[in-house]
Amino acid sequence: MNKNLNDRLFEFAVNVLKFLPKLPKTAELSVVRYQLAKSSSSSGANYENRKLDHQNLILIIRLGYLSEKCVNQTIGLE
């Protein structure tokens, strides 16, 4: 029951896509069906991109720290 957010978003998208064929086939609902399909699956993609952005930020911070340490050690050698 303790699923991570990525798994839950994927399951949500699958459930929405399984539900969509059950909607009545009307012109009005075709727009709703299309929007639901796109938005339900994009939430997982947006979450993945956000995780990558966060990981990249951590990497940049670490590289900046290491760079600063190298500069300080180089100055100490002079």
Protein backbone atom coordinates (compact mmCIF):
# COMPACT_ATOMS: atom_id res chain seq x y z
CA MET A 1 0.00 0.00 0.00
CA ASN A 2 3.00 2.27 0.49
CA LYS A 3 3.62 3.13 -3.17
CA ASN A 4 5.81 5.98 -4.27
CA LEU A 5 4.34 8.93 -6.13
CA ASN A 6 5.72 7.80 -9.48
CA ASP A 7 3.88 4.46 -9.25
CA ARG A 8 0.67 6.13 -8.11
CA LEU A 9 0.73 8.63 -10.98
CA PHE A 10 1.27 5.81 -13.47
CA GLU A 11 -1.60 3.82 -11.96
CA PHE A 12 -3.82 6.93 -12.08
CA ALA A 13 -3.10 7.44 -15.80
CA VAL A 14 -3.85 3.78 -16.55
CA ASN A 15 -7.11 3.94 -14.59
CA VAL A 16 -8.20 7.11 -16.41
CA LEU A 17 -7.39 5.57 -19.80
CA LYS A 18 -9.42 2.47 -18.89
CA PHE A 19 -12.32 4.68 -17.79
CA LEU A 20 -12.49 6.86 -20.91
CA PRO A 21 -14.11 4.28 -23.23
CA LYS A 22 -16.99 4.04 -20.74
CA LEU A 23 -17.99 7.66 -21.39
CA PRO A 24 -20.86 8.20 -23.83
CA LYS A 25 -19.76 8.79 -27.43
CA THR A 26 -20.94 12.38 -27.90
CA ALA A 27 -19.26 15.29 -29.63
CA GLU A 28 -19.11 17.26 -26.38
CA LEU A 29 -17.48 14.46 -24.43
CA SER A 30 -14.93 13.77 -27.14
CA VAL A 31 -13.18 16.99 -26.11
CA VAL A 32 -13.35 15.99 -22.44
CA ARG A 33 -12.09 12.50 -23.27
CA TYR A 34 -9.14 13.94 -25.19
CA GLN A 35 -8.22 16.40 -22.41
CA LEU A 36 -8.50 13.76 -19.69
CA ALA A 37 -6.25 11.39 -21.61
CA LYS A 38 -3.59 14.04 -22.11
CA SER A 39 -3.68 15.54 -18.62
CA SER A 40 -3.76 12.24 -16.73
CA SER A 41 -0.67 10.94 -18.49
CA SER A 42 1.23 14.23 -18.43
CA SER A 43 1.20 14.44 -14.63
CA GLY A 44 3.61 11.50 -14.43
CA ALA A 45 5.85 13.01 -17.08
CA ASN A 46 5.90 16.36 -15.28
CA TYR A 47 6.81 14.62 -12.03
CA GLU A 48 9.70 12.78 -13.74
CA ASN A 49 11.02 16.04 -15.21
CA ARG A 50 10.80 17.72 -11.81
CA LYS A 51 12.79 14.90 -10.22
CA LEU A 52 15.48 15.28 -12.89
CA ASP A 53 15.61 19.05 -12.38
CA HIS A 54 16.07 18.53 -8.64
CA GLN A 55 18.83 15.95 -9.18
CA ASN A 56 20.60 18.28 -11.63
CA LEU A 57 20.41 21.13 -9.12
CA ILE A 58 21.99 18.95 -6.43
CA LEU A 59 24.75 17.96 -8.87
CA ILE A 60 25.44 21.62 -9.77
CA ILE A 61 25.63 22.56 -6.08
CA ARG A 62 28.06 19.71 -5.37
CA LEU A 63 30.23 20.60 -8.36
CA GLY A 64 30.31 24.23 -7.26
CA TYR A 65 31.38 23.17 -3.77
CA LEU A 66 34.13 20.91 -5.16
CA SER A 67 35.30 23.64 -7.52
CA GLU A 68 35.52 26.10 -4.66
CA LYS A 69 37.48 23.58 -2.59
CA CYS A 70 39.94 23.04 -5.46
CA VAL A 71 40.45 26.79 -5.87
CA ASN A 72 41.07 27.19 -2.12
CA GLN A 73 43.59 24.34 -2.13
CA THR A 74 45.34 25.78 -5.21
CA ILE A 75 45.61 29.19 -3.55
CA GLY A 76 47.08 27.51 -0.47
CA LEU A 77 49.80 25.92 -2.61
CA GLU A 78 50.95 29.22 -4.07
